[in-house]
Amino acid sequence: MNSKIKPLGYYNYTVILTYIGMLIGVVGIAYAFEHNSCAAVICLMLSGFCDMFDGTVASTRQRNEQEKNFGIQIDSLSDLICFGVLPGAITYSLNPHNNLVLAISALYVLCALIRLAYFNVDEMDRQKTSSTSRTLYYGLPVTLSALFYPLIYAAGRVFSWKTPIASTVTLFVMAVLFLTPVPLKKPKLLGKLAVLLCGIAEVGFVILSLDFV
């Protein structure tokens, strides 16, 4: 028999950034377990950078329907880890043994899960009738936690806010916005570059915040 045994999944270049982002997210969760919140927040932002351009990379290759569906699923599963579980883990690590914070963190992850599952169903239905890229989202995309959460975290350290409380409130607000059907336009290249520049500035802000107690 000449048939080759191949591992399950797809391993072409279109999914590399998604895989890298997911691995960075897992590292961030490990840092959160070790109460190294700053390193965990930086991992959150790095995962955001990977997610920002993985769709652009994927669009450069002609994919069959199965590859497209796999891309949708793997992207959302990665997002759940990086932008769902990771922010929840960071928030709880900032205020451990607090049942209210634990409950809000768990609620946040649940809302992210629902948001991502709904997006998967909606996107697969959309692709049956359209071959163009999505231009409109409903509800806050979970990936924006990589932009908003680090900003609140660093600002809390610099301006002497109670960072655990600010982070918990931010998590709760984002959880609500995930499921609120407000239309948001998908950013194009210039919008992505603007977000990228904001993200780079935030990395510097987070590192600067290390000098503040």
N, C-alpha and C. Protein backbone atom coordinates (compact mmCIF):
# COMPACT_ATOMS: atom_id res chain seq x y z
N MET A 1 0.84 -1.19 0.00
CA MET A 1 0.00 0.00 0.00
C MET A 1 0.88 1.25 0.00
N ASN A 2 0.58 2.17 -0.89
CA ASN A 2 1.38 3.39 -1.02
C ASN A 2 0.73 4.60 -0.37
N SER A 3 -0.45 4.39 0.23
CA SER A 3 -1.14 5.53 0.84
C SER A 3 -0.34 6.05 2.02
N LYS A 4 -0.24 7.37 2.11
CA LYS A 4 0.52 8.00 3.18
C LYS A 4 -0.39 8.28 4.38
N ILE A 5 0.16 8.08 5.56
CA ILE A 5 -0.57 8.39 6.78
C ILE A 5 -0.25 9.84 7.16
N LYS A 6 -1.28 10.67 7.18
CA LYS A 6 -1.10 12.08 7.49
C LYS A 6 -1.79 12.43 8.80
N PRO A 7 -1.22 13.32 9.58
CA PRO A 7 -1.89 13.75 10.81
C PRO A 7 -3.16 14.53 10.48
N LEU A 8 -4.11 14.50 11.39
CA LEU A 8 -5.34 15.23 11.18
C LEU A 8 -5.08 16.73 11.21
N GLY A 9 -5.87 17.47 10.46
CA GLY A 9 -5.72 18.92 10.46
C GLY A 9 -5.08 19.42 9.19
N TYR A 10 -4.86 20.74 9.15
CA TYR A 10 -4.25 21.40 8.00
C TYR A 10 -3.04 22.19 8.50
N TYR A 11 -1.94 22.13 7.73
CA TYR A 11 -0.69 22.69 8.22
C TYR A 11 -0.02 23.60 7.19
N ASN A 12 -0.82 24.16 6.26
CA ASN A 12 -0.23 25.11 5.31
C ASN A 12 -0.03 26.47 5.99
N TYR A 13 0.58 27.37 5.26
CA TYR A 13 0.98 28.65 5.87
C TYR A 13 -0.19 29.50 6.33
N THR A 14 -1.41 29.22 5.85
CA THR A 14 -2.55 30.07 6.19
C THR A 14 -2.96 29.96 7.66
N VAL A 15 -2.53 28.91 8.34
CA VAL A 15 -2.92 28.73 9.75
C VAL A 15 -1.77 28.94 10.71
N ILE A 16 -0.58 29.24 10.18
CA ILE A 16 0.60 29.34 11.04
C ILE A 16 0.44 30.44 12.10
N LEU A 17 -0.03 31.63 11.69
CA LEU A 17 -0.19 32.71 12.66
C LEU A 17 -1.22 32.37 13.73
N THR A 18 -2.27 31.67 13.34
CA THR A 18 -3.28 31.26 14.31
C THR A 18 -2.68 30.31 15.33
N TYR A 19 -1.89 29.36 14.87
CA TYR A 19 -1.25 28.41 15.77
C TYR A 19 -0.26 29.12 16.70
N ILE A 20 0.53 30.04 16.15
CA ILE A 20 1.50 30.78 16.96
C ILE A 20 0.78 31.59 18.03
N GLY A 21 -0.29 32.28 17.63
CA GLY A 21 -1.05 33.08 18.58
C GLY A 21 -1.62 32.25 19.71
N MET A 22 -2.12 31.06 19.37
CA MET A 22 -2.68 30.17 20.40
C MET A 22 -1.59 29.73 21.38
N LEU A 23 -0.42 29.38 20.86
CA LEU A 23 0.68 28.95 21.74
C LEU A 23 1.11 30.09 22.67
N ILE A 24 1.15 31.31 22.14
CA ILE A 24 1.48 32.47 22.98
C ILE A 24 0.42 32.64 24.07
N GLY A 25 -0.85 32.43 23.71
CA GLY A 25 -1.92 32.52 24.70
C GLY A 25 -1.77 31.51 25.82
N VAL A 26 -1.37 30.29 25.49
CA VAL A 26 -1.16 29.26 26.51
C VAL A 26 -0.01 29.66 27.43
N VAL A 27 1.06 30.23 26.85
CA VAL A 27 2.17 30.72 27.67
C VAL A 27 1.68 31.81 28.62
N GLY A 28 0.82 32.69 28.10
CA GLY A 28 0.27 33.75 28.94
C GLY A 28 -0.54 33.21 30.10
N ILE A 29 -1.31 32.16 29.86
CA ILE A 29 -2.09 31.53 30.94
C ILE A 29 -1.15 30.96 32.00
N ALA A 30 -0.05 30.38 31.55
CA ALA A 30 0.94 29.85 32.50
C ALA A 30 1.53 30.97 33.34
N TYR A 31 1.82 32.11 32.71
CA TYR A 31 2.33 33.26 33.46
C TYR A 31 1.29 33.75 34.48
N ALA A 32 0.02 33.73 34.09
CA ALA A 32 -1.04 34.15 35.02
C ALA A 32 -1.08 33.22 36.23
N PHE A 33 -0.92 31.92 36.00
CA PHE A 33 -0.88 30.97 37.11
C PHE A 33 0.27 31.26 38.06
N GLU A 34 1.37 31.80 37.50
CA GLU A 34 2.55 32.12 38.30
C GLU A 34 2.48 33.55 38.87
N HIS A 35 1.32 34.22 38.68
CA HIS A 35 1.09 35.59 39.18
C HIS A 35 2.04 36.60 38.55
N ASN A 36 2.49 36.29 37.33
CA ASN A 36 3.30 37.25 36.57
C ASN A 36 2.35 37.93 35.58
N SER A 37 1.55 38.86 36.10
CA SER A 37 0.48 39.46 35.31
C SER A 37 0.99 40.28 34.14
N CYS A 38 2.12 40.97 34.32
CA CYS A 38 2.64 41.80 33.25
C CYS A 38 3.03 40.95 32.03
N ALA A 39 3.74 39.85 32.27
CA ALA A 39 4.12 38.96 31.17
C ALA A 39 2.88 38.37 30.51
N ALA A 40 1.87 38.05 31.31
CA ALA A 40 0.63 37.49 30.77
C ALA A 40 -0.08 38.51 29.88
N VAL A 41 -0.10 39.78 30.31
CA VAL A 41 -0.73 40.84 29.52
C VAL A 41 0.02 41.05 28.21
N ILE A 42 1.34 40.99 28.24
CA ILE A 42 2.13 41.12 27.02
C ILE A 42 1.82 39.97 26.06
N CYS A 43 1.65 38.76 26.59
CA CYS A 43 1.26 37.62 25.77
C CYS A 43 -0.11 37.85 25.13
N LEU A 44 -1.01 38.47 25.88
CA LEU A 44 -2.33 38.79 25.35
C LEU A 44 -2.21 39.72 24.14
N MET A 45 -1.36 40.72 24.25
CA MET A 45 -1.18 41.66 23.14
C MET A 45 -0.50 40.99 21.94
N LEU A 46 0.48 40.14 22.20
CA LEU A 46 1.16 39.44 21.11
C LEU A 46 0.19 38.52 20.37
N SER A 47 -0.69 37.87 21.11
CA SER A 47 -1.71 37.03 20.48
C SER A 47 -2.62 37.89 19.62
N GLY A 48 -2.91 39.11 20.10
CA GLY A 48 -3.72 40.03 19.32
C GLY A 48 -3.06 40.41 18.01
N PHE A 49 -1.74 40.62 18.04
CA PHE A 49 -1.02 40.94 16.81
C PHE A 49 -1.13 39.79 15.80
N CYS A 50 -0.98 38.57 16.28
CA CYS A 50 -1.09 37.40 15.39
C CYS A 50 -2.49 37.31 14.79
N ASP A 51 -3.50 37.53 15.62
CA ASP A 51 -4.87 37.41 15.15
C ASP A 51 -5.22 38.50 14.15
N MET A 52 -4.60 39.66 14.28
CA MET A 52 -4.93 40.79 13.42
C MET A 52 -4.65 40.48 11.95
N PHE A 53 -3.63 39.66 11.70
CA PHE A 53 -3.21 39.45 10.32
C PHE A 53 -3.38 38.01 9.83
N ASP A 54 -3.89 37.10 10.67
CA ASP A 54 -4.02 35.72 10.20
C ASP A 54 -5.05 35.60 9.09
N GLY A 55 -6.12 36.40 9.16
CA GLY A 55 -7.12 36.37 8.09
C GLY A 55 -6.58 36.90 6.78
N THR A 56 -5.74 37.94 6.86
CA THR A 56 -5.12 38.50 5.66
C THR A 56 -4.20 37.48 5.00
N VAL A 57 -3.44 36.76 5.82
CA VAL A 57 -2.56 35.72 5.30
C VAL A 57 -3.38 34.61 4.66
N ALA A 58 -4.47 34.20 5.31
CA ALA A 58 -5.30 33.12 4.80
C ALA A 58 -5.93 33.47 3.46
N SER A 59 -6.23 34.75 3.26
CA SER A 59 -6.90 35.16 2.02
C SER A 59 -5.97 35.11 0.81
N THR A 60 -4.66 34.91 1.02
CA THR A 60 -3.72 34.87 -0.09
C THR A 60 -3.67 33.50 -0.76
N ARG A 61 -4.38 32.53 -0.20
CA ARG A 61 -4.35 31.17 -0.75
C ARG A 61 -5.77 30.75 -1.12
N GLN A 62 -5.88 30.09 -2.28
CA GLN A 62 -7.17 29.55 -2.70
C GLN A 62 -7.45 28.29 -1.89
N ARG A 63 -8.51 28.31 -1.07
CA ARG A 63 -8.82 27.16 -0.20
C ARG A 63 -10.14 26.53 -0.60
N ASN A 64 -10.21 25.21 -0.39
CA ASN A 64 -11.48 24.54 -0.66
C ASN A 64 -12.42 24.76 0.53
N GLU A 65 -13.66 24.28 0.41
CA GLU A 65 -14.66 24.55 1.45
C GLU A 65 -14.26 23.96 2.79
N GLN A 66 -13.65 22.76 2.76
CA GLN A 66 -13.25 22.12 4.02
C GLN A 66 -12.14 22.91 4.70
N GLU A 67 -11.20 23.43 3.92
CA GLU A 67 -10.13 24.24 4.49
C GLU A 67 -10.67 25.55 5.07
N LYS A 68 -11.64 26.14 4.39
CA LYS A 68 -12.24 27.38 4.91
C LYS A 68 -12.97 27.12 6.22
N ASN A 69 -13.74 26.03 6.27
CA ASN A 69 -14.47 25.71 7.50
C ASN A 69 -13.51 25.40 8.64
N PHE A 70 -12.42 24.71 8.32
CA PHE A 70 -11.40 24.42 9.34
C PHE A 70 -10.80 25.73 9.86
N GLY A 71 -10.53 26.67 8.94
CA GLY A 71 -9.97 27.96 9.33
C GLY A 71 -10.89 28.72 10.28
N ILE A 72 -12.21 28.66 9.99
CA ILE A 72 -13.18 29.34 10.86
C ILE A 72 -13.15 28.73 12.26
N GLN A 73 -13.15 27.39 12.32
CA GLN A 73 -13.19 26.70 13.61
C GLN A 73 -11.91 26.92 14.41
N ILE A 74 -10.77 26.76 13.75
CA ILE A 74 -9.50 26.84 14.47
C ILE A 74 -9.24 28.27 14.95
N ASP A 75 -9.70 29.26 14.18
CA ASP A 75 -9.53 30.65 14.58
C ASP A 75 -10.34 30.96 15.83
N SER A 76 -11.59 30.47 15.87
CA SER A 76 -12.43 30.73 17.03
C SER A 76 -11.95 29.97 18.26
N LEU A 77 -11.48 28.75 18.08
CA LEU A 77 -10.96 27.98 19.21
C LEU A 77 -9.72 28.66 19.79
N SER A 78 -8.87 29.17 18.90
CA SER A 78 -7.69 29.91 19.37
C SER A 78 -8.11 31.18 20.09
N ASP A 79 -9.12 31.89 19.54
CA ASP A 79 -9.60 33.12 20.17
C ASP A 79 -10.15 32.86 21.57
N LEU A 80 -10.81 31.72 21.74
CA LEU A 80 -11.36 31.40 23.07
C LEU A 80 -10.24 31.27 24.10
N ILE A 81 -9.13 30.66 23.69
CA ILE A 81 -7.99 30.50 24.60
C ILE A 81 -7.32 31.85 24.87
N CYS A 82 -7.02 32.57 23.78
CA CYS A 82 -6.21 33.79 23.90
C CYS A 82 -6.98 34.97 24.47
N PHE A 83 -8.23 35.13 24.03
CA PHE A 83 -8.98 36.34 24.38
C PHE A 83 -10.18 36.05 25.28
N GLY A 84 -10.36 34.78 25.62
CA GLY A 84 -11.38 34.39 26.58
C GLY A 84 -10.75 33.90 27.88
N VAL A 85 -10.06 32.77 27.81
CA VAL A 85 -9.48 32.17 29.01
C VAL A 85 -8.34 33.02 29.58
N LEU A 86 -7.47 33.55 28.71
CA LEU A 86 -6.31 34.29 29.20
C LEU A 86 -6.69 35.55 29.99
N PRO A 87 -7.56 36.44 29.49
CA PRO A 87 -7.95 37.60 30.31
C PRO A 87 -8.64 37.19 31.61
N GLY A 88 -9.45 36.13 31.55
CA GLY A 88 -10.08 35.64 32.78
C GLY A 88 -9.06 35.15 33.79
N ALA A 89 -8.04 34.44 33.31
CA ALA A 89 -6.99 33.94 34.20
C ALA A 89 -6.18 35.08 34.80
N ILE A 90 -5.88 36.10 33.98
CA ILE A 90 -5.12 37.24 34.48
C ILE A 90 -5.90 37.95 35.59
N THR A 91 -7.18 38.19 35.32
CA THR A 91 -8.02 38.91 36.28
C THR A 91 -8.11 38.17 37.61
N TYR A 92 -8.31 36.87 37.54
CA TYR A 92 -8.40 36.11 38.80
C TYR A 92 -7.05 36.05 39.51
N SER A 93 -5.95 36.02 38.74
CA SER A 93 -4.63 35.98 39.38
C SER A 93 -4.32 37.28 40.09
N LEU A 94 -4.94 38.40 39.64
CA LEU A 94 -4.73 39.68 40.31
C LEU A 94 -5.47 39.76 41.64
N ASN A 95 -6.52 38.95 41.79
CA ASN A 95 -7.31 38.96 43.02
C ASN A 95 -7.75 37.53 43.34
N PRO A 96 -6.79 36.66 43.70
CA PRO A 96 -7.11 35.25 43.94
C PRO A 96 -7.95 35.06 45.20
N HIS A 97 -8.60 33.92 45.27
CA HIS A 97 -9.43 33.53 46.43
C HIS A 97 -10.63 34.46 46.62
N ASN A 98 -11.01 35.17 45.54
CA ASN A 98 -12.17 36.05 45.59
C ASN A 98 -13.26 35.43 44.72
N ASN A 99 -14.32 34.96 45.35
CA ASN A 99 -15.36 34.24 44.61
C ASN A 99 -16.09 35.12 43.61
N LEU A 100 -16.25 36.40 43.92
CA LEU A 100 -16.92 37.29 42.98
C LEU A 100 -16.09 37.47 41.72
N VAL A 101 -14.78 37.68 41.89
CA VAL A 101 -13.89 37.81 40.74
C VAL A 101 -13.88 36.52 39.93
N LEU A 102 -13.87 35.40 40.62
CA LEU A 102 -13.91 34.11 39.93
C LEU A 102 -15.19 33.97 39.11
N ALA A 103 -16.31 34.38 39.69
CA ALA A 103 -17.60 34.27 38.99
C ALA A 103 -17.62 35.17 37.76
N ILE A 104 -17.10 36.40 37.88
CA ILE A 104 -17.07 37.32 36.74
C ILE A 104 -16.12 36.82 35.66
N SER A 105 -14.99 36.27 36.08
CA SER A 105 -14.04 35.71 35.11
C SER A 105 -14.68 34.55 34.35
N ALA A 106 -15.39 33.69 35.08
CA ALA A 106 -16.06 32.56 34.44
C ALA A 106 -17.17 33.03 33.50
N LEU A 107 -17.92 34.06 33.93
CA LEU A 107 -18.97 34.63 33.08
C LEU A 107 -18.37 35.22 31.81
N TYR A 108 -17.25 35.87 31.96
CA TYR A 108 -16.57 36.46 30.79
C TYR A 108 -16.21 35.38 29.77
N VAL A 109 -15.62 34.28 30.25
CA VAL A 109 -15.25 33.19 29.35
C VAL A 109 -16.48 32.59 28.69
N LEU A 110 -17.57 32.45 29.44
CA LEU A 110 -18.81 31.92 28.89
C LEU A 110 -19.34 32.83 27.78
N CYS A 111 -19.36 34.14 28.02
CA CYS A 111 -19.85 35.08 27.01
C CYS A 111 -18.96 35.05 25.76
N ALA A 112 -17.65 34.92 25.96
CA ALA A 112 -16.74 34.80 24.82
C ALA A 112 -17.03 33.53 24.03
N LEU A 113 -17.29 32.44 24.73
CA LEU A 113 -17.62 31.17 24.09
C LEU A 113 -18.88 31.29 23.24
N ILE A 114 -19.94 31.89 23.83
CA ILE A 114 -21.20 32.07 23.11
C ILE A 114 -21.00 32.96 21.89
N ARG A 115 -20.27 34.06 22.07
CA ARG A 115 -20.01 35.00 20.97
C ARG A 115 -19.29 34.31 19.82
N LEU A 116 -18.29 33.52 20.14
CA LEU A 116 -17.50 32.85 19.11
C LEU A 116 -18.30 31.75 18.41
N ALA A 117 -19.08 31.00 19.16
CA ALA A 117 -19.89 29.95 18.56
C ALA A 117 -20.94 30.55 17.63
N TYR A 118 -21.56 31.65 18.07
CA TYR A 118 -22.55 32.33 17.23
C TYR A 118 -21.90 32.85 15.94
N PHE A 119 -20.70 33.41 16.08
CA PHE A 119 -19.99 33.91 14.91
C PHE A 119 -19.71 32.78 13.93
N ASN A 120 -19.31 31.62 14.42
CA ASN A 120 -19.02 30.49 13.55
C ASN A 120 -20.24 30.11 12.72
N VAL A 121 -21.38 29.98 13.40
CA VAL A 121 -22.62 29.60 12.70
C VAL A 121 -22.99 30.67 11.67
N ASP A 122 -22.91 31.93 12.08
CA ASP A 122 -23.28 33.03 11.19
C ASP A 122 -22.34 33.13 10.00
N GLU A 123 -21.04 32.94 10.24
CA GLU A 123 -20.06 33.05 9.16
C GLU A 123 -20.21 31.91 8.15
N MET A 124 -20.45 30.70 8.63
CA MET A 124 -20.63 29.56 7.72
C MET A 124 -21.88 29.75 6.87
N ASP A 125 -22.94 30.28 7.45
CA ASP A 125 -24.16 30.58 6.67
C ASP A 125 -23.89 31.67 5.65
N ARG A 126 -23.12 32.69 6.05
CA ARG A 126 -22.83 33.81 5.15
C ARG A 126 -22.02 33.35 3.95
N GLN A 127 -21.07 32.46 4.18
CA GLN A 127 -20.21 32.00 3.09
C GLN A 127 -20.94 31.13 2.07
N LYS A 128 -22.11 30.62 2.45
CA LYS A 128 -22.90 29.83 1.48
C LYS A 128 -23.50 30.71 0.40
N THR A 129 -23.66 31.99 0.69
CA THR A 129 -24.29 32.91 -0.26
C THR A 129 -23.37 34.02 -0.72
N SER A 130 -22.16 34.10 -0.15
CA SER A 130 -21.25 35.18 -0.51
C SER A 130 -19.81 34.68 -0.51
N SER A 131 -19.04 35.14 -1.48
CA SER A 131 -17.63 34.77 -1.57
C SER A 131 -16.72 35.92 -1.14
N THR A 132 -17.33 37.04 -0.75
CA THR A 132 -16.55 38.21 -0.32
C THR A 132 -16.24 38.13 1.17
N SER A 133 -15.30 38.94 1.61
CA SER A 133 -14.93 38.97 3.02
C SER A 133 -15.99 39.71 3.82
N ARG A 134 -16.09 39.39 5.09
CA ARG A 134 -17.04 40.05 5.97
C ARG A 134 -16.64 41.50 6.18
N THR A 135 -17.64 42.38 6.18
CA THR A 135 -17.38 43.81 6.38
C THR A 135 -18.04 44.34 7.65
N LEU A 136 -18.89 43.54 8.28
CA LEU A 136 -19.64 44.03 9.43
C LEU A 136 -19.72 42.95 10.51
N TYR A 137 -19.48 43.35 11.74
CA TYR A 137 -19.64 42.46 12.90
C TYR A 137 -20.81 42.97 13.74
N TYR A 138 -21.37 42.05 14.51
CA TYR A 138 -22.38 42.43 15.51
C TYR A 138 -21.88 42.02 16.88
N GLY A 139 -21.85 42.96 17.80
CA GLY A 139 -21.27 42.70 19.10
C GLY A 139 -19.78 42.96 19.08
N LEU A 140 -19.22 43.20 20.26
CA LEU A 140 -17.79 43.47 20.37
C LEU A 140 -17.00 42.21 20.06
N PRO A 141 -16.10 42.22 19.07
CA PRO A 141 -15.26 41.05 18.82
C PRO A 141 -14.38 40.74 20.03
N VAL A 142 -14.26 39.48 20.38
CA VAL A 142 -13.49 39.11 21.58
C VAL A 142 -12.02 39.50 21.44
N THR A 143 -11.54 39.61 20.20
CA THR A 143 -10.13 39.93 20.00
C THR A 143 -9.78 41.33 20.49
N LEU A 144 -10.78 42.21 20.61
CA LEU A 144 -10.51 43.57 21.08
C LEU A 144 -10.12 43.61 22.55
N SER A 145 -10.27 42.49 23.25
CA SER A 145 -9.78 42.44 24.63
C SER A 145 -8.27 42.62 24.66
N ALA A 146 -7.59 42.27 23.55
CA ALA A 146 -6.13 42.45 23.47
C ALA A 146 -5.75 43.91 23.37
N LEU A 147 -6.72 44.77 23.07
CA LEU A 147 -6.46 46.20 22.98
C LEU A 147 -6.92 46.93 24.25
N PHE A 148 -8.13 46.60 24.71
CA PHE A 148 -8.72 47.33 25.84
C PHE A 148 -8.15 46.89 27.19
N TYR A 149 -8.02 45.58 27.37
CA TYR A 149 -7.62 45.07 28.69
C TYR A 149 -6.21 45.55 29.09
N PRO A 150 -5.20 45.44 28.21
CA PRO A 150 -3.87 45.92 28.61
C PRO A 150 -3.85 47.41 28.94
N LEU A 151 -4.68 48.19 28.24
CA LEU A 151 -4.72 49.63 28.51
C LEU A 151 -5.20 49.91 29.92
N ILE A 152 -6.27 49.24 30.33
CA ILE A 152 -6.79 49.41 31.70
C ILE A 152 -5.78 48.90 32.72
N TYR A 153 -5.16 47.77 32.40
CA TYR A 153 -4.18 47.17 33.32
C TYR A 153 -3.01 48.13 33.57
N ALA A 154 -2.43 48.66 32.49
CA ALA A 154 -1.28 49.55 32.63
C ALA A 154 -1.67 50.88 33.27
N ALA A 155 -2.83 51.41 32.88
CA ALA A 155 -3.29 52.67 33.46
C ALA A 155 -3.51 52.53 34.96
N GLY A 156 -4.00 51.37 35.37
CA GLY A 156 -4.21 51.12 36.80
C GLY A 156 -2.91 51.18 37.58
N ARG A 157 -1.83 50.67 37.00
CA ARG A 157 -0.54 50.70 37.68
C ARG A 157 0.05 52.11 37.69
N VAL A 158 -0.06 52.81 36.56
CA VAL A 158 0.56 54.13 36.44
C VAL A 158 -0.16 55.17 37.29
N PHE A 159 -1.50 55.13 37.27
CA PHE A 159 -2.28 56.16 37.95
C PHE A 159 -2.81 55.72 39.31
N SER A 160 -2.24 54.62 39.80
CA SER A 160 -2.54 54.13 41.15
C SER A 160 -4.03 53.79 41.35
N TRP A 161 -4.66 53.27 40.27
CA TRP A 161 -6.00 52.72 40.45
C TRP A 161 -5.86 51.40 41.17
N LYS A 162 -6.97 50.89 41.64
CA LYS A 162 -6.98 49.53 42.18
C LYS A 162 -7.11 48.58 41.00
N THR A 163 -5.95 48.13 40.49
CA THR A 163 -5.91 47.36 39.26
C THR A 163 -6.81 46.12 39.29
N PRO A 164 -6.84 45.33 40.38
CA PRO A 164 -7.74 44.17 40.38
C PRO A 164 -9.20 44.55 40.16
N ILE A 165 -9.65 45.65 40.78
CA ILE A 165 -11.04 46.08 40.62
C ILE A 165 -11.28 46.58 39.21
N ALA A 166 -10.37 47.42 38.69
CA ALA A 166 -10.51 47.97 37.34
C ALA A 166 -10.53 46.85 36.30
N SER A 167 -9.66 45.86 36.48
CA SER A 167 -9.61 44.74 35.54
C SER A 167 -10.89 43.92 35.58
N THR A 168 -11.44 43.73 36.77
CA THR A 168 -12.66 42.96 36.92
C THR A 168 -13.85 43.67 36.28
N VAL A 169 -13.93 44.98 36.50
CA VAL A 169 -15.01 45.77 35.89
C VAL A 169 -14.88 45.75 34.37
N THR A 170 -13.66 45.90 33.87
CA THR A 170 -13.42 45.85 32.43
C THR A 170 -13.86 44.53 31.84
N LEU A 171 -13.55 43.45 32.55
CA LEU A 171 -13.93 42.11 32.09
C LEU A 171 -15.45 41.98 32.00
N PHE A 172 -16.14 42.48 33.01
CA PHE A 172 -17.60 42.39 33.04
C PHE A 172 -18.22 43.20 31.90
N VAL A 173 -17.72 44.42 31.68
CA VAL A 173 -18.25 45.26 30.61
C VAL A 173 -18.04 44.62 29.26
N MET A 174 -16.85 44.06 29.03
CA MET A 174 -16.58 43.41 27.75
C MET A 174 -17.47 42.20 27.56
N ALA A 175 -17.72 41.45 28.63
CA ALA A 175 -18.58 40.27 28.53
C ALA A 175 -19.97 40.66 28.05
N VAL A 176 -20.50 41.76 28.58
CA VAL A 176 -21.82 42.24 28.16
C VAL A 176 -21.79 42.67 26.71
N LEU A 177 -20.74 43.39 26.31
CA LEU A 177 -20.64 43.90 24.94
C LEU A 177 -20.45 42.79 23.92
N PHE A 178 -19.87 41.66 24.34
CA PHE A 178 -19.73 40.53 23.42
C PHE A 178 -21.09 40.10 22.86
N LEU A 179 -22.11 40.15 23.69
CA LEU A 179 -23.43 39.64 23.31
C LEU A 179 -24.43 40.74 22.97
N THR A 180 -23.96 41.97 22.94
CA THR A 180 -24.84 43.09 22.58
C THR A 180 -24.76 43.30 21.07
N PRO A 181 -25.88 43.16 20.34
CA PRO A 181 -25.85 43.18 18.86
C PRO A 181 -25.68 44.57 18.26
N VAL A 182 -24.60 45.23 18.61
CA VAL A 182 -24.30 46.54 18.04
C VAL A 182 -23.43 46.33 16.80
N PRO A 183 -23.81 46.90 15.64
CA PRO A 183 -23.01 46.70 14.42
C PRO A 183 -21.69 47.45 14.46
N LEU A 184 -20.62 46.78 14.08
CA LEU A 184 -19.29 47.39 14.02
C LEU A 184 -18.65 47.03 12.68
N LYS A 185 -18.09 48.03 11.99
CA LYS A 185 -17.43 47.78 10.72
C LYS A 185 -16.09 47.11 10.94
N LYS A 186 -15.81 46.12 10.10
CA LYS A 186 -14.52 45.45 10.16
C LYS A 186 -13.44 46.39 9.63
N PRO A 187 -12.35 46.60 10.37
CA PRO A 187 -11.31 47.53 9.90
C PRO A 187 -10.59 47.01 8.66
N LYS A 188 -10.29 47.92 7.75
CA LYS A 188 -9.51 47.57 6.58
C LYS A 188 -8.02 47.75 6.90
N LEU A 189 -7.20 47.79 5.86
CA LEU A 189 -5.75 47.80 6.09
C LEU A 189 -5.31 48.99 6.93
N LEU A 190 -5.79 50.19 6.59
CA LEU A 190 -5.40 51.37 7.35
C LEU A 190 -5.88 51.29 8.80
N GLY A 191 -7.09 50.75 8.98
CA GLY A 191 -7.61 50.57 10.33
C GLY A 191 -6.78 49.58 11.12
N LYS A 192 -6.36 48.49 10.45
CA LYS A 192 -5.52 47.51 11.13
C LYS A 192 -4.17 48.10 11.51
N LEU A 193 -3.61 48.92 10.61
CA LEU A 193 -2.32 49.56 10.91
C LEU A 193 -2.45 50.52 12.09
N ALA A 194 -3.59 51.22 12.15
CA ALA A 194 -3.83 52.13 13.28
C ALA A 194 -3.92 51.35 14.58
N VAL A 195 -4.64 50.23 14.55
CA VAL A 195 -4.75 49.39 15.74
C VAL A 195 -3.38 48.82 16.11
N LEU A 196 -2.60 48.45 15.09
CA LEU A 196 -1.26 47.92 15.34
C LEU A 196 -0.39 48.96 16.03
N LEU A 197 -0.44 50.21 15.57
CA LEU A 197 0.35 51.27 16.19
C LEU A 197 -0.10 51.52 17.63
N CYS A 198 -1.42 51.46 17.85
CA CYS A 198 -1.93 51.60 19.22
C CYS A 198 -1.43 50.46 20.09
N GLY A 199 -1.40 49.26 19.51
CA GLY A 199 -0.93 48.10 20.26
C GLY A 199 0.54 48.21 20.63
N ILE A 200 1.36 48.70 19.68
CA ILE A 200 2.78 48.89 19.95
C ILE A 200 2.98 49.92 21.05
N ALA A 201 2.19 50.99 20.99
CA ALA A 201 2.26 52.01 22.04
C ALA A 201 1.85 51.42 23.38
N GLU A 202 0.86 50.53 23.37
CA GLU A 202 0.41 49.91 24.61
C GLU A 202 1.47 49.00 25.20
N VAL A 203 2.21 48.30 24.34
CA VAL A 203 3.30 47.46 24.84
C VAL A 203 4.29 48.31 25.63
N GLY A 204 4.65 49.48 25.06
CA GLY A 204 5.54 50.38 25.77
C GLY A 204 4.93 50.88 27.06
N PHE A 205 3.61 51.14 27.04
CA PHE A 205 2.92 51.61 28.23
C PHE A 205 2.92 50.55 29.32
N VAL A 206 2.69 49.30 28.93
CA VAL A 206 2.70 48.21 29.91
C VAL A 206 4.08 48.03 30.52
N ILE A 207 5.12 48.10 29.67
CA ILE A 207 6.48 47.97 30.18
C ILE A 207 6.82 49.15 31.10
N LEU A 208 6.39 50.36 30.71
CA LEU A 208 6.60 51.54 31.56
C LEU A 208 5.92 51.37 32.91
N SER A 209 4.76 50.75 32.92
CA SER A 209 4.01 50.60 34.16
C SER A 209 4.72 49.72 35.17
N LEU A 210 5.74 48.97 34.74
CA LEU A 210 6.49 48.13 35.67
C LEU A 210 7.23 48.97 36.70
N ASP A 211 7.49 50.23 36.36
CA ASP A 211 8.21 51.09 37.30
C ASP A 211 7.29 51.67 38.36
N PHE A 212 5.98 51.37 38.25
CA PHE A 212 5.01 51.91 39.20
C PHE A 212 4.48 50.78 40.07
N VAL A 213 4.27 51.07 41.28
CA VAL A 213 3.74 50.07 42.24
C VAL A 213 2.35 50.51 42.68
